[in-house]
Amino acid sequence: FTYVKGLTVADEADVKTAAQKIYDEISKFG
């Protein structure tokens, strides 16, 4: 969780988008 949250502010746009997608999915569960 910490790793993917950190990647949501990554410089690479594709990595940032991918991380945000995963982060949003995890967040659905609290």
All heavy atoms as atom14 arrays in JSON, in Angstrom:
{
  "sequence": "FTYVKGLTVADEADVKTAAQKIYDEISKFG",
  "atom14_mask": [
    [1, 1, 1, 1, 1, 1, 1, 1, 1, 1, 1, 0, 0, 0],
    [1, 1, 1, 1, 1, 1, 1, 0, 0, 0, 0, 0, 0, 0],
    [1, 1, 1, 1, 1, 1, 1, 1, 1, 1, 1, 1, 0, 0],
    [1, 1, 1, 1, 1, 1, 1, 0, 0, 0, 0, 0, 0, 0],
    [1, 1, 1, 1, 1, 1, 1, 1, 1, 0, 0, 0, 0, 0],
    [1, 1, 1, 1, 0, 0, 0, 0, 0, 0, 0, 0, 0, 0],
    [1, 1, 1, 1, 1, 1, 1, 1, 0, 0, 0, 0, 0, 0],
    [1, 1, 1, 1, 1, 1, 1, 0, 0, 0, 0, 0, 0, 0],
    [1, 1, 1, 1, 1, 1, 1, 0, 0, 0, 0, 0, 0, 0],
    [1, 1, 1, 1, 1, 0, 0, 0, 0, 0, 0, 0, 0, 0],
    [1, 1, 1, 1, 1, 1, 1, 1, 0, 0, 0, 0, 0, 0],
    [1, 1, 1, 1, 1, 1, 1, 1, 1, 0, 0, 0, 0, 0],
    [1, 1, 1, 1, 1, 0, 0, 0, 0, 0, 0, 0, 0, 0],
    [1, 1, 1, 1, 1, 1, 1, 1, 0, 0, 0, 0, 0, 0],
    [1, 1, 1, 1, 1, 1, 1, 0, 0, 0, 0, 0, 0, 0],
    [1, 1, 1, 1, 1, 1, 1, 1, 1, 0, 0, 0, 0, 0],
    [1, 1, 1, 1, 1, 1, 1, 0, 0, 0, 0, 0, 0, 0],
    [1, 1, 1, 1, 1, 0, 0, 0, 0, 0, 0, 0, 0, 0],
    [1, 1, 1, 1, 1, 0, 0, 0, 0, 0, 0, 0, 0, 0],
    [1, 1, 1, 1, 1, 1, 1, 1, 1, 0, 0, 0, 0, 0],
    [1, 1, 1, 1, 1, 1, 1, 1, 1, 0, 0, 0, 0, 0],
    [1, 1, 1, 1, 1, 1, 1, 1, 0, 0, 0, 0, 0, 0],
    [1, 1, 1, 1, 1, 1, 1, 1, 1, 1, 1, 1, 0, 0],
    [1, 1, 1, 1, 1, 1, 1, 1, 0, 0, 0, 0, 0, 0],
    [1, 1, 1, 1, 1, 1, 1, 1, 1, 0, 0, 0, 0, 0],
    [1, 1, 1, 1, 1, 1, 1, 1, 0, 0, 0, 0, 0, 0],
    [1, 1, 1, 1, 1, 1, 0, 0, 0, 0, 0, 0, 0, 0],
    [1, 1, 1, 1, 1, 1, 1, 1, 1, 0, 0, 0, 0, 0],
    [1, 1, 1, 1, 1, 1, 1, 1, 1, 1, 1, 0, 0, 0],
    [1, 1, 1, 1, 0, 0, 0, 0, 0, 0, 0, 0, 0, 0]
  ],
  "atom14_positions": [
    [[0.83, -1.21, 0.0], [0.0, 0.0, 0.0], [0.86, 1.26, 0.0], [0.61, 2.21, -0.76], [-0.92, -0.01, 1.21], [-1.82, 1.19, 1.28], [-2.95, 1.27, 0.48], [-1.55, 2.24, 2.14], [-3.79, 2.37, 0.53], [-2.38, 3.35, 2.2], [-3.5, 3.42, 1.39], [0.0, 0.0, 0.0], [0.0, 0.0, 0.0], [0.0, 0.0, 0.0]],
    [[1.9, 1.26, 0.84], [2.79, 2.43, 0.91], [3.51, 2.65, -0.41], [3.68, 3.79, -0.88], [3.84, 2.23, 2.03], [3.16, 2.03, 3.28], [4.75, 3.43, 2.15], [0.0, 0.0, 0.0], [0.0, 0.0, 0.0], [0.0, 0.0, 0.0], [0.0, 0.0, 0.0], [0.0, 0.0, 0.0], [0.0, 0.0, 0.0], [0.0, 0.0, 0.0]],
    [[3.92, 1.54, -1.02], [4.63, 1.61, -2.29], [3.75, 2.2, -3.39], [4.15, 3.11, -4.12], [5.1, 0.2, -2.67], [5.85, 0.12, -3.98], [7.18, 0.52, -4.09], [5.21, -0.38, -5.12], [7.86, 0.43, -5.3], [5.89, -0.47, -6.33], [7.22, -0.07, -6.41], [7.88, -0.15, -7.62], [0.0, 0.0, 0.0], [0.0, 0.0, 0.0]],
    [[2.5, 1.66, -3.5], [1.63, 2.13, -4.57], [1.18, 3.57, -4.32], [1.01, 4.36, -5.26], [0.41, 1.2, -4.73], [-0.61, 1.38, -3.6], [-0.26, 1.42, -6.08], [0.0, 0.0, 0.0], [0.0, 0.0, 0.0], [0.0, 0.0, 0.0], [0.0, 0.0, 0.0], [0.0, 0.0, 0.0], [0.0, 0.0, 0.0], [0.0, 0.0, 0.0]],
    [[1.02, 3.93, -3.06], [0.63, 5.31, -2.74], [1.74, 6.27, -3.16], [1.47, 7.37, -3.69], [0.36, 5.45, -1.25], [-0.16, 6.83, -0.85], [-0.47, 6.88, 0.65], [-1.0, 8.28, 1.01], [-1.32, 8.35, 2.47], [0.0, 0.0, 0.0], [0.0, 0.0, 0.0], [0.0, 0.0, 0.0], [0.0, 0.0, 0.0], [0.0, 0.0, 0.0]],
    [[2.98, 5.87, -2.95], [4.11, 6.71, -3.35], [4.19, 6.88, -4.85], [4.56, 7.97, -5.35], [0.0, 0.0, 0.0], [0.0, 0.0, 0.0], [0.0, 0.0, 0.0], [0.0, 0.0, 0.0], [0.0, 0.0, 0.0], [0.0, 0.0, 0.0], [0.0, 0.0, 0.0], [0.0, 0.0, 0.0], [0.0, 0.0, 0.0], [0.0, 0.0, 0.0]],
    [[3.81, 5.84, -5.58], [3.87, 5.9, -7.04], [2.77, 6.78, -7.65], [2.84, 7.13, -8.83], [3.77, 4.5, -7.64], [4.99, 3.58, -7.44], [4.75, 2.23, -8.12], [6.27, 4.22, -7.99], [0.0, 0.0, 0.0], [0.0, 0.0, 0.0], [0.0, 0.0, 0.0], [0.0, 0.0, 0.0], [0.0, 0.0, 0.0], [0.0, 0.0, 0.0]],
    [[1.79, 7.14, -6.86], [0.72, 8.01, -7.4], [1.21, 9.42, -7.67], [0.51, 10.22, -8.32], [-0.48, 8.08, -6.41], [-0.03, 8.6, -5.15], [-1.12, 6.72, -6.22], [0.0, 0.0, 0.0], [0.0, 0.0, 0.0], [0.0, 0.0, 0.0], [0.0, 0.0, 0.0], [0.0, 0.0, 0.0], [0.0, 0.0, 0.0], [0.0, 0.0, 0.0]],
    [[2.42, 9.72, -7.21], [3.03, 11.02, -7.51], [4.33, 10.84, -8.3], [5.21, 11.71, -8.3], [3.31, 11.82, -6.21], [2.01, 12.19, -5.53], [4.2, 11.02, -5.25], [0.0, 0.0, 0.0], [0.0, 0.0, 0.0], [0.0, 0.0, 0.0], [0.0, 0.0, 0.0], [0.0, 0.0, 0.0], [0.0, 0.0, 0.0], [0.0, 0.0, 0.0]],
    [[4.42, 9.7, -8.99], [5.61, 9.41, -9.79], [5.72, 10.38, -10.96], [4.73, 10.94, -11.43], [5.55, 7.97, -10.3], [0.0, 0.0, 0.0], [0.0, 0.0, 0.0], [0.0, 0.0, 0.0], [0.0, 0.0, 0.0], [0.0, 0.0, 0.0], [0.0, 0.0, 0.0], [0.0, 0.0, 0.0], [0.0, 0.0, 0.0], [0.0, 0.0, 0.0]],
    [[6.95, 10.58, -11.46], [7.18, 11.47, -12.59], [6.65, 10.87, -13.89], [6.13, 11.61, -14.74], [8.68, 11.77, -12.72], [9.2, 12.57, -11.53], [8.39, 13.3, -10.91], [10.4, 12.44, -11.23], [0.0, 0.0, 0.0], [0.0, 0.0, 0.0], [0.0, 0.0, 0.0], [0.0, 0.0, 0.0], [0.0, 0.0, 0.0], [0.0, 0.0, 0.0]],
    [[6.8, 9.55, -14.05], [6.35, 8.9, -15.28], [4.82, 8.86, -15.29], [4.21, 8.3, -14.38], [6.91, 7.48, -15.39], [8.44, 7.42, -15.4], [9.02, 7.37, -13.99], [8.26, 7.65, -13.03], [10.21, 7.04, -13.86], [0.0, 0.0, 0.0], [0.0, 0.0, 0.0], [0.0, 0.0, 0.0], [0.0, 0.0, 0.0], [0.0, 0.0, 0.0]],
    [[4.24, 9.42, -16.33], [2.78, 9.53, -16.41], [2.1, 8.16, -16.4], [1.07, 7.99, -15.73], [2.39, 10.31, -17.66], [0.0, 0.0, 0.0], [0.0, 0.0, 0.0], [0.0, 0.0, 0.0], [0.0, 0.0, 0.0], [0.0, 0.0, 0.0], [0.0, 0.0, 0.0], [0.0, 0.0, 0.0], [0.0, 0.0, 0.0], [0.0, 0.0, 0.0]],
    [[2.66, 7.2, -17.16], [2.01, 5.89, -17.24], [2.07, 5.15, -15.9], [1.13, 4.47, -15.51], [2.62, 5.06, -18.35], [4.12, 4.85, -18.19], [4.75, 5.64, -17.45], [4.66, 3.88, -18.77], [0.0, 0.0, 0.0], [0.0, 0.0, 0.0], [0.0, 0.0, 0.0], [0.0, 0.0, 0.0], [0.0, 0.0, 0.0], [0.0, 0.0, 0.0]],
    [[3.2, 5.31, -15.2], [3.34, 4.68, -13.89], [2.39, 5.34, -12.89], [1.72, 4.67, -12.1], [4.8, 4.78, -13.38], [4.89, 4.26, -11.94], [5.73, 4.01, -14.28], [0.0, 0.0, 0.0], [0.0, 0.0, 0.0], [0.0, 0.0, 0.0], [0.0, 0.0, 0.0], [0.0, 0.0, 0.0], [0.0, 0.0, 0.0], [0.0, 0.0, 0.0]],
    [[2.31, 6.66, -12.96], [1.43, 7.41, -12.06], [-0.02, 7.0, -12.27], [-0.77, 6.78, -11.31], [1.6, 8.9, -12.31], [0.73, 9.79, -11.43], [1.01, 11.25, -11.71], [0.12, 12.17, -10.85], [0.42, 13.6, -11.09], [0.0, 0.0, 0.0], [0.0, 0.0, 0.0], [0.0, 0.0, 0.0], [0.0, 0.0, 0.0], [0.0, 0.0, 0.0]],
    [[-0.43, 6.87, -13.52], [-1.81, 6.49, -13.84], [-2.1, 5.07, -13.36], [-3.17, 4.8, -12.8], [-2.04, 6.57, -15.36], [-1.8, 7.92, -15.81], [-3.45, 6.15, -15.72], [0.0, 0.0, 0.0], [0.0, 0.0, 0.0], [0.0, 0.0, 0.0], [0.0, 0.0, 0.0], [0.0, 0.0, 0.0], [0.0, 0.0, 0.0], [0.0, 0.0, 0.0]],
    [[-1.14, 4.18, -13.59], [-1.32, 2.79, -13.17], [-1.42, 2.69, -11.65], [-2.27, 1.98, -11.11], [-0.14, 1.95, -13.67], [0.0, 0.0, 0.0], [0.0, 0.0, 0.0], [0.0, 0.0, 0.0], [0.0, 0.0, 0.0], [0.0, 0.0, 0.0], [0.0, 0.0, 0.0], [0.0, 0.0, 0.0], [0.0, 0.0, 0.0], [0.0, 0.0, 0.0]],
    [[-0.56, 3.43, -10.96], [-0.57, 3.41, -9.49], [-1.88, 3.97, -8.95], [-2.44, 3.45, -7.98], [0.61, 4.22, -8.96], [0.0, 0.0, 0.0], [0.0, 0.0, 0.0], [0.0, 0.0, 0.0], [0.0, 0.0, 0.0], [0.0, 0.0, 0.0], [0.0, 0.0, 0.0], [0.0, 0.0, 0.0], [0.0, 0.0, 0.0], [0.0, 0.0, 0.0]],
    [[-2.36, 5.02, -9.57], [-3.62, 5.62, -9.12], [-4.78, 4.64, -9.29], [-5.67, 4.57, -8.44], [-3.9, 6.89, -9.92], [-5.05, 7.73, -9.36], [-4.76, 8.27, -7.97], [-3.73, 8.91, -7.75], [-5.66, 8.0, -7.03], [0.0, 0.0, 0.0], [0.0, 0.0, 0.0], [0.0, 0.0, 0.0], [0.0, 0.0, 0.0], [0.0, 0.0, 0.0]],
    [[-4.76, 3.89, -10.36], [-5.81, 2.9, -10.6], [-5.82, 1.84, -9.5], [-6.87, 1.47, -8.98], [-5.6, 2.24, -11.97], [-6.68, 1.21, -12.32], [-6.47, 0.65, -13.73], [-7.57, -0.33, -14.09], [-7.43, -0.87, -15.46], [0.0, 0.0, 0.0], [0.0, 0.0, 0.0], [0.0, 0.0, 0.0], [0.0, 0.0, 0.0], [0.0, 0.0, 0.0]],
    [[-4.63, 1.38, -9.14], [-4.52, 0.36, -8.09], [-4.9, 0.95, -6.73], [-5.62, 0.34, -5.95], [-3.09, -0.21, -8.05], [-2.79, -0.97, -9.35], [-2.92, -1.14, -6.84], [-1.36, -1.41, -9.49], [0.0, 0.0, 0.0], [0.0, 0.0, 0.0], [0.0, 0.0, 0.0], [0.0, 0.0, 0.0], [0.0, 0.0, 0.0], [0.0, 0.0, 0.0]],
    [[-4.41, 2.18, -6.48], [-4.7, 2.85, -5.21], [-6.2, 3.05, -5.03], [-6.75, 2.83, -3.95], [-3.97, 4.19, -5.15], [-4.21, 4.96, -3.87], [-3.47, 4.67, -2.73], [-5.18, 5.97, -3.81], [-3.69, 5.38, -1.55], [-5.41, 6.67, -2.64], [-4.66, 6.36, -1.51], [-4.89, 7.06, -0.35], [0.0, 0.0, 0.0], [0.0, 0.0, 0.0]],
    [[-6.87, 3.47, -6.08], [-8.32, 3.7, -6.02], [-9.08, 2.4, -5.73], [-10.07, 2.41, -4.99], [-8.82, 4.3, -7.34], [-8.36, 5.74, -7.55], [-7.93, 6.37, -6.55], [-8.41, 6.21, -8.7], [0.0, 0.0, 0.0], [0.0, 0.0, 0.0], [0.0, 0.0, 0.0], [0.0, 0.0, 0.0], [0.0, 0.0, 0.0], [0.0, 0.0, 0.0]],
    [[-8.58, 1.31, -6.31], [-9.24, 0.02, -6.09], [-9.09, -0.42, -4.64], [-10.05, -0.88, -4.0], [-8.67, -1.04, -7.02], [-9.35, -2.38, -6.96], [-10.8, -2.34, -7.42], [-11.19, -1.37, -8.13], [-11.56, -3.26, -7.07], [0.0, 0.0, 0.0], [0.0, 0.0, 0.0], [0.0, 0.0, 0.0], [0.0, 0.0, 0.0], [0.0, 0.0, 0.0]],
    [[-7.89, -0.27, -4.1], [-7.65, -0.64, -2.71], [-8.48, 0.23, -1.77], [-9.06, -0.24, -0.79], [-6.15, -0.51, -2.35], [-5.33, -1.54, -3.14], [-5.93, -0.72, -0.86], [-3.83, -1.42, -2.94], [0.0, 0.0, 0.0], [0.0, 0.0, 0.0], [0.0, 0.0, 0.0], [0.0, 0.0, 0.0], [0.0, 0.0, 0.0], [0.0, 0.0, 0.0]],
    [[-8.58, 1.5, -2.11], [-9.29, 2.46, -1.27], [-10.77, 2.14, -1.14], [-11.43, 2.55, -0.17], [-9.13, 3.88, -1.82], [-7.77, 4.26, -1.84], [0.0, 0.0, 0.0], [0.0, 0.0, 0.0], [0.0, 0.0, 0.0], [0.0, 0.0, 0.0], [0.0, 0.0, 0.0], [0.0, 0.0, 0.0], [0.0, 0.0, 0.0], [0.0, 0.0, 0.0]],
    [[-11.31, 1.43, -2.1], [-12.72, 1.05, -2.03], [-13.03, 0.22, -0.79], [-14.17, 0.19, -0.3], [-13.11, 0.24, -3.27], [-13.13, 1.04, -4.56], [-13.52, 0.12, -5.7], [-13.52, 0.86, -7.04], [-13.88, -0.05, -8.16], [0.0, 0.0, 0.0], [0.0, 0.0, 0.0], [0.0, 0.0, 0.0], [0.0, 0.0, 0.0], [0.0, 0.0, 0.0]],
    [[-12.03, -0.47, -0.29], [-12.21, -1.36, 0.85], [-11.84, -0.69, 2.17], [-11.8, -1.33, 3.22], [-11.38, -2.63, 0.66], [-11.73, -3.37, -0.59], [-10.99, -3.19, -1.75], [-12.82, -4.23, -0.63], [-11.32, -3.87, -2.92], [-13.16, -4.9, -1.79], [-12.41, -4.72, -2.94], [0.0, 0.0, 0.0], [0.0, 0.0, 0.0], [0.0, 0.0, 0.0]],
    [[-11.54, 0.63, 2.11], [-11.18, 1.37, 3.31], [-9.69, 1.57, 3.42], [-8.9, 0.81, 2.85], [0.0, 0.0, 0.0], [0.0, 0.0, 0.0], [0.0, 0.0, 0.0], [0.0, 0.0, 0.0], [0.0, 0.0, 0.0], [0.0, 0.0, 0.0], [0.0, 0.0, 0.0], [0.0, 0.0, 0.0], [0.0, 0.0, 0.0], [0.0, 0.0, 0.0]]
  ]
}
